[in-house]
Amino acid sequence: MFGFGMPELIVVLVIVLVVFGANRLPEIGGALGKSIRNFKKATSGKDEIEIKPGRDDEKKEN
């Protein structure tokens, strides 16, 4: 897709390992996965806002 082969991916992984350290790699991977999941959910076009009309009984009692 972008012309990345296995050697390029290994070089990028080594650079990330040196910069962030081995202990932080699982945290970075988890955060990256969550952000991709949230981005896909946001671009799917489904609105999560649910508007429910209020009941007339509650309005009259107040």
PDB file of N, CA and C in Angstrom:
ATOM      1  N   MET A   1       0.825  -1.189   0.000  1.00  0.00           N
ATOM      2  CA  MET A   1       0.000   0.000   0.000  1.00  0.00           C
ATOM      3  C   MET A   1       0.869   1.253   0.000  1.00  0.00           C
ATOM      4  N   PHE A   2       1.737   1.384   0.972  1.00  0.00           N
ATOM      5  CA  PHE A   2       2.620   2.538   1.052  1.00  0.00           C
ATOM      6  C   PHE A   2       4.050   2.177   0.665  1.00  0.00           C
ATOM      7  N   GLY A   3       4.255   0.973   0.192  1.00  0.00           N
ATOM      8  CA  GLY A   3       5.589   0.548  -0.181  1.00  0.00           C
ATOM      9  C   GLY A   3       6.416   0.069   0.997  1.00  0.00           C
ATOM     10  N   PHE A   4       5.756  -0.276   2.102  1.00  0.00           N
ATOM     11  CA  PHE A   4       6.476  -0.787   3.257  1.00  0.00           C
ATOM     12  C   PHE A   4       6.643  -2.286   3.117  1.00  0.00           C
ATOM     13  N   GLY A   5       7.868  -2.725   3.204  1.00  0.00           N
ATOM     14  CA  GLY A   5       8.141  -4.146   3.228  1.00  0.00           C
ATOM     15  C   GLY A   5       8.492  -4.561   4.647  1.00  0.00           C
ATOM     16  N   MET A   6       8.889  -5.790   4.785  1.00  0.00           N
ATOM     17  CA  MET A   6       9.244  -6.301   6.110  1.00  0.00           C
ATOM     18  C   MET A   6      10.463  -5.579   6.699  1.00  0.00           C
ATOM     19  N   PRO A   7      11.511  -5.289   5.929  1.00  0.00           N
ATOM     20  CA  PRO A   7      12.659  -4.577   6.535  1.00  0.00           C
ATOM     21  C   PRO A   7      12.296  -3.185   7.049  1.00  0.00           C
ATOM     22  N   GLU A   8      11.452  -2.469   6.327  1.00  0.00           N
ATOM     23  CA  GLU A   8      11.057  -1.137   6.772  1.00  0.00           C
ATOM     24  C   GLU A   8      10.249  -1.195   8.053  1.00  0.00           C
ATOM     25  N   LEU A   9       9.333  -2.172   8.134  1.00  0.00           N
ATOM     26  CA  LEU A   9       8.524  -2.318   9.349  1.00  0.00           C
ATOM     27  C   LEU A   9       9.389  -2.677  10.554  1.00  0.00           C
ATOM     28  N   ILE A  10      10.401  -3.489  10.344  1.00  0.00           N
ATOM     29  CA  ILE A  10      11.303  -3.863  11.439  1.00  0.00           C
ATOM     30  C   ILE A  10      12.082  -2.639  11.917  1.00  0.00           C
ATOM     31  N   VAL A  11      12.553  -1.813  10.974  1.00  0.00           N
ATOM     32  CA  VAL A  11      13.283  -0.603  11.350  1.00  0.00           C
ATOM     33  C   VAL A  11      12.383   0.335  12.150  1.00  0.00           C
ATOM     34  N   VAL A  12      11.134   0.515  11.721  1.00  0.00           N
ATOM     35  CA  VAL A  12      10.199   1.372  12.455  1.00  0.00           C
ATOM     36  C   VAL A  12       9.938   0.810  13.848  1.00  0.00           C
ATOM     37  N   LEU A  13       9.755  -0.490  13.959  1.00  0.00           N
ATOM     38  CA  LEU A  13       9.529  -1.118  15.267  1.00  0.00           C
ATOM     39  C   LEU A  13      10.725  -0.934  16.192  1.00  0.00           C
ATOM     40  N   VAL A  14      11.928  -1.066  15.671  1.00  0.00           N
ATOM     41  CA  VAL A  14      13.130  -0.877  16.491  1.00  0.00           C
ATOM     42  C   VAL A  14      13.228   0.574  16.965  1.00  0.00           C
ATOM     43  N   ILE A  15      12.917   1.521  16.085  1.00  0.00           N
ATOM     44  CA  ILE A  15      12.969   2.928  16.481  1.00  0.00           C
ATOM     45  C   ILE A  15      11.942   3.217  17.575  1.00  0.00           C
ATOM     46  N   VAL A  16      10.728   2.687  17.415  1.00  0.00           N
ATOM     47  CA  VAL A  16       9.695   2.868  18.434  1.00  0.00           C
ATOM     48  C   VAL A  16      10.122   2.223  19.749  1.00  0.00           C
ATOM     49  N   LEU A  17      10.739   1.060  19.670  1.00  0.00           N
ATOM     50  CA  LEU A  17      11.196   0.363  20.871  1.00  0.00           C
ATOM     51  C   LEU A  17      12.267   1.176  21.590  1.00  0.00           C
ATOM     52  N   VAL A  18      13.178   1.785  20.852  1.00  0.00           N
ATOM     53  CA  VAL A  18      14.237   2.583  21.465  1.00  0.00           C
ATOM     54  C   VAL A  18      13.666   3.862  22.077  1.00  0.00           C
ATOM     55  N   VAL A  19      12.729   4.497  21.384  1.00  0.00           N
ATOM     56  CA  VAL A  19      12.199   5.772  21.861  1.00  0.00           C
ATOM     57  C   VAL A  19      11.316   5.570  23.091  1.00  0.00           C
ATOM     58  N   PHE A  20      10.398   4.612  23.046  1.00  0.00           N
ATOM     59  CA  PHE A  20       9.423   4.465  24.123  1.00  0.00           C
ATOM     60  C   PHE A  20       9.794   3.416  25.155  1.00  0.00           C
ATOM     61  N   GLY A  21      10.587   2.460  24.822  1.00  0.00           N
ATOM     62  CA  GLY A  21      10.966   1.409  25.757  1.00  0.00           C
ATOM     63  C   GLY A  21      10.020   0.229  25.674  1.00  0.00           C
ATOM     64  N   ALA A  22      10.494  -0.921  26.123  1.00  0.00           N
ATOM     65  CA  ALA A  22       9.715  -2.158  26.015  1.00  0.00           C
ATOM     66  C   ALA A  22       8.501  -2.170  26.933  1.00  0.00           C
ATOM     67  N   ASN A  23       8.570  -1.476  28.056  1.00  0.00           N
ATOM     68  CA  ASN A  23       7.460  -1.499  29.012  1.00  0.00           C
ATOM     69  C   ASN A  23       6.245  -0.732  28.520  1.00  0.00           C
ATOM     70  N   ARG A  24       6.450   0.279  27.693  1.00  0.00           N
ATOM     71  CA  ARG A  24       5.341   1.116  27.242  1.00  0.00           C
ATOM     72  C   ARG A  24       4.705   0.631  25.944  1.00  0.00           C
ATOM     73  N   LEU A  25       5.312  -0.343  25.255  1.00  0.00           N
ATOM     74  CA  LEU A  25       4.767  -0.811  23.983  1.00  0.00           C
ATOM     75  C   LEU A  25       3.352  -1.368  24.093  1.00  0.00           C
ATOM     76  N   PRO A  26       3.018  -2.170  25.094  1.00  0.00           N
ATOM     77  CA  PRO A  26       1.629  -2.637  25.197  1.00  0.00           C
ATOM     78  C   PRO A  26       0.629  -1.505  25.417  1.00  0.00           C
ATOM     79  N   GLU A  27       1.007  -0.492  26.186  1.00  0.00           N
ATOM     80  CA  GLU A  27       0.128   0.656  26.403  1.00  0.00           C
ATOM     81  C   GLU A  27      -0.093   1.423  25.106  1.00  0.00           C
ATOM     82  N   ILE A  28       0.966   1.605  24.347  1.00  0.00           N
ATOM     83  CA  ILE A  28       0.865   2.335  23.079  1.00  0.00           C
ATOM     84  C   ILE A  28       0.002   1.550  22.097  1.00  0.00           C
ATOM     85  N   GLY A  29       0.197   0.236  22.046  1.00  0.00           N
ATOM     86  CA  GLY A  29      -0.617  -0.595  21.162  1.00  0.00           C
ATOM     87  C   GLY A  29      -2.086  -0.564  21.537  1.00  0.00           C
ATOM     88  N   GLY A  30      -2.375  -0.617  22.819  1.00  0.00           N
ATOM     89  CA  GLY A  30      -3.767  -0.549  23.279  1.00  0.00           C
ATOM     90  C   GLY A  30      -4.412   0.790  22.963  1.00  0.00           C
ATOM     91  N   ALA A  31      -3.663   1.859  23.174  1.00  0.00           N
ATOM     92  CA  ALA A  31      -4.195   3.192  22.875  1.00  0.00           C
ATOM     93  C   ALA A  31      -4.417   3.364  21.378  1.00  0.00           C
ATOM     94  N   LEU A  32      -3.519   2.832  20.576  1.00  0.00           N
ATOM     95  CA  LEU A  32      -3.677   2.919  19.127  1.00  0.00           C
ATOM     96  C   LEU A  32      -4.894   2.122  18.669  1.00  0.00           C
ATOM     97  N   GLY A  33      -5.093   0.943  19.233  1.00  0.00           N
ATOM     98  CA  GLY A  33      -6.263   0.133  18.892  1.00  0.00           C
ATOM     99  C   GLY A  33      -7.566   0.810  19.281  1.00  0.00           C
ATOM    100  N   LYS A  34      -7.599   1.408  20.469  1.00  0.00           N
ATOM    101  CA  LYS A  34      -8.807   2.112  20.904  1.00  0.00           C
ATOM    102  C   LYS A  34      -9.100   3.309  20.020  1.00  0.00           C
ATOM    103  N   SER A  35      -8.055   4.034  19.632  1.00  0.00           N
ATOM    104  CA  SER A  35      -8.283   5.209  18.803  1.00  0.00           C
ATOM    105  C   SER A  35      -8.777   4.823  17.408  1.00  0.00           C
ATOM    106  N   ILE A  36      -8.261   3.743  16.853  1.00  0.00           N
ATOM    107  CA  ILE A  36      -8.742   3.275  15.554  1.00  0.00           C
ATOM    108  C   ILE A  36     -10.187   2.806  15.666  1.00  0.00           C
ATOM    109  N   ARG A  37     -10.518   2.102  16.737  1.00  0.00           N
ATOM    110  CA  ARG A  37     -11.889   1.629  16.950  1.00  0.00           C
ATOM    111  C   ARG A  37     -12.862   2.797  17.090  1.00  0.00           C
ATOM    112  N   ASN A  38     -12.472   3.813  17.859  1.00  0.00           N
ATOM    113  CA  ASN A  38     -13.325   4.990  18.026  1.00  0.00           C
ATOM    114  C   ASN A  38     -13.479   5.760  16.723  1.00  0.00           C
ATOM    115  N   PHE A  39     -12.416   5.830  15.932  1.00  0.00           N
ATOM    116  CA  PHE A  39     -12.493   6.518  14.651  1.00  0.00           C
ATOM    117  C   PHE A  39     -13.441   5.791  13.708  1.00  0.00           C
ATOM    118  N   LYS A  40     -13.363   4.472  13.666  1.00  0.00           N
ATOM    119  CA  LYS A  40     -14.268   3.696  12.813  1.00  0.00           C
ATOM    120  C   LYS A  40     -15.716   3.859  13.259  1.00  0.00           C
ATOM    121  N   LYS A  41     -15.926   3.875  14.577  1.00  0.00           N
ATOM    122  CA  LYS A  41     -17.279   4.048  15.102  1.00  0.00           C
ATOM    123  C   LYS A  41     -17.819   5.427  14.765  1.00  0.00           C
ATOM    124  N   ALA A  42     -16.966   6.439  14.827  1.00  0.00           N
ATOM    125  CA  ALA A  42     -17.400   7.806  14.544  1.00  0.00           C
ATOM    126  C   ALA A  42     -17.695   8.005  13.063  1.00  0.00           C
ATOM    127  N   THR A  43     -16.968   7.324  12.206  1.00  0.00           N
ATOM    128  CA  THR A  43     -17.176   7.507  10.775  1.00  0.00           C
ATOM    129  C   THR A  43     -18.244   6.594  10.204  1.00  0.00           C
ATOM    130  N   SER A  44     -18.805   5.717  11.011  1.00  0.00           N
ATOM    131  CA  SER A  44     -19.830   4.803  10.501  1.00  0.00           C
ATOM    132  C   SER A  44     -21.143   5.528  10.233  1.00  0.00           C
ATOM    133  N   GLY A  45     -21.311   6.710  10.783  1.00  0.00           N
ATOM    134  CA  GLY A  45     -22.491   7.521  10.517  1.00  0.00           C
ATOM    135  C   GLY A  45     -23.632   7.286  11.482  1.00  0.00           C
ATOM    136  N   LYS A  46     -23.472   6.424  12.428  1.00  0.00           N
ATOM    137  CA  LYS A  46     -24.519   6.171  13.405  1.00  0.00           C
ATOM    138  C   LYS A  46     -24.393   7.165  14.549  1.00  0.00           C
ATOM    139  N   ASP A  47     -25.474   7.855  14.836  1.00  0.00           N
ATOM    140  CA  ASP A  47     -25.483   8.788  15.951  1.00  0.00           C
ATOM    141  C   ASP A  47     -25.849   8.039  17.220  1.00  0.00           C
ATOM    142  N   GLU A  48     -25.112   8.304  18.277  1.00  0.00           N
ATOM    143  CA  GLU A  48     -25.376   7.636  19.543  1.00  0.00           C
ATOM    144  C   GLU A  48     -26.272   8.472  20.455  1.00  0.00           C
ATOM    145  N   ILE A  49     -26.659   9.637  20.009  1.00  0.00           N
ATOM    146  CA  ILE A  49     -27.511  10.500  20.828  1.00  0.00           C
ATOM    147  C   ILE A  49     -28.946  10.022  20.677  1.00  0.00           C
ATOM    148  N   GLU A  50     -29.561   9.708  21.781  1.00  0.00           N
ATOM    149  CA  GLU A  50     -30.939   9.242  21.766  1.00  0.00           C
ATOM    150  C   GLU A  50     -31.793  10.265  22.496  1.00  0.00           C
ATOM    151  N   ILE A  51     -32.751  10.801  21.805  1.00  0.00           N
ATOM    152  CA  ILE A  51     -33.628  11.814  22.386  1.00  0.00           C
ATOM    153  C   ILE A  51     -34.971  11.171  22.662  1.00  0.00           C
ATOM    154  N   LYS A  52     -35.371  11.199  23.935  1.00  0.00           N
ATOM    155  CA  LYS A  52     -36.658  10.633  24.333  1.00  0.00           C
ATOM    156  C   LYS A  52     -37.571  11.773  24.753  1.00  0.00           C
ATOM    157  N   PRO A  53     -38.761  11.771  24.249  1.00  0.00           N
ATOM    158  CA  PRO A  53     -39.691  12.833  24.685  1.00  0.00           C
ATOM    159  C   PRO A  53     -40.063  12.635  26.147  1.00  0.00           C
ATOM    160  N   GLY A  54     -40.226  13.752  26.852  1.00  0.00           N
ATOM    161  CA  GLY A  54     -40.614  13.692  28.249  1.00  0.00           C
ATOM    162  C   GLY A  54     -42.074  13.302  28.395  1.00  0.00           C
ATOM    163  N   ARG A  55     -42.413  12.743  29.533  1.00  0.00           N
ATOM    164  CA  ARG A  55     -43.802  12.360  29.777  1.00  0.00           C
ATOM    165  C   ARG A  55     -44.602  13.579  30.185  1.00  0.00           C
ATOM    166  N   ASP A  56     -45.843  13.657  29.737  1.00  0.00           N
ATOM    167  CA  ASP A  56     -46.707  14.788  30.071  1.00  0.00           C
ATOM    168  C   ASP A  56     -47.069  14.799  31.542  1.00  0.00           C
ATOM    169  N   ASP A  57     -47.125  13.615  32.189  1.00  0.00           N
ATOM    170  CA  ASP A  57     -47.489  13.538  33.609  1.00  0.00           C
ATOM    171  C   ASP A  57     -46.455  14.256  34.471  1.00  0.00           C
ATOM    172  N   GLU A  58     -45.168  14.120  34.141  1.00  0.00           N
ATOM    173  CA  GLU A  58     -44.124  14.759  34.931  1.00  0.00           C
ATOM    174  C   GLU A  58     -44.195  16.278  34.798  1.00  0.00           C
ATOM    175  N   LYS A  59     -44.548  16.765  33.653  1.00  0.00           N
ATOM    176  CA  LYS A  59     -44.607  18.209  33.444  1.00  0.00           C
ATOM    177  C   LYS A  59     -45.781  18.835  34.206  1.00  0.00           C
ATOM    178  N   LYS A  60     -46.895  18.139  34.286  1.00  0.00           N
ATOM    179  CA  LYS A  60     -48.071  18.687  34.944  1.00  0.00           C
ATOM    180  C   LYS A  60     -47.924  18.721  36.454  1.00  0.00           C
ATOM    181  N   GLU A  61     -47.205  17.771  37.035  1.00  0.00           N
ATOM    182  CA  GLU A  61     -47.055  17.691  38.492  1.00  0.00           C
ATOM    183  C   GLU A  61     -46.149  18.799  39.013  1.00  0.00           C
ATOM    184  N   ASN A  62     -45.203  19.261  38.236  1.00  0.00           N
ATOM    185  CA  ASN A  62     -44.250  20.282  38.694  1.00  0.00           C
ATOM    186  C   ASN A  62     -44.835  21.606  38.620  1.00  0.00           C
TER     187      ASN A  62
END
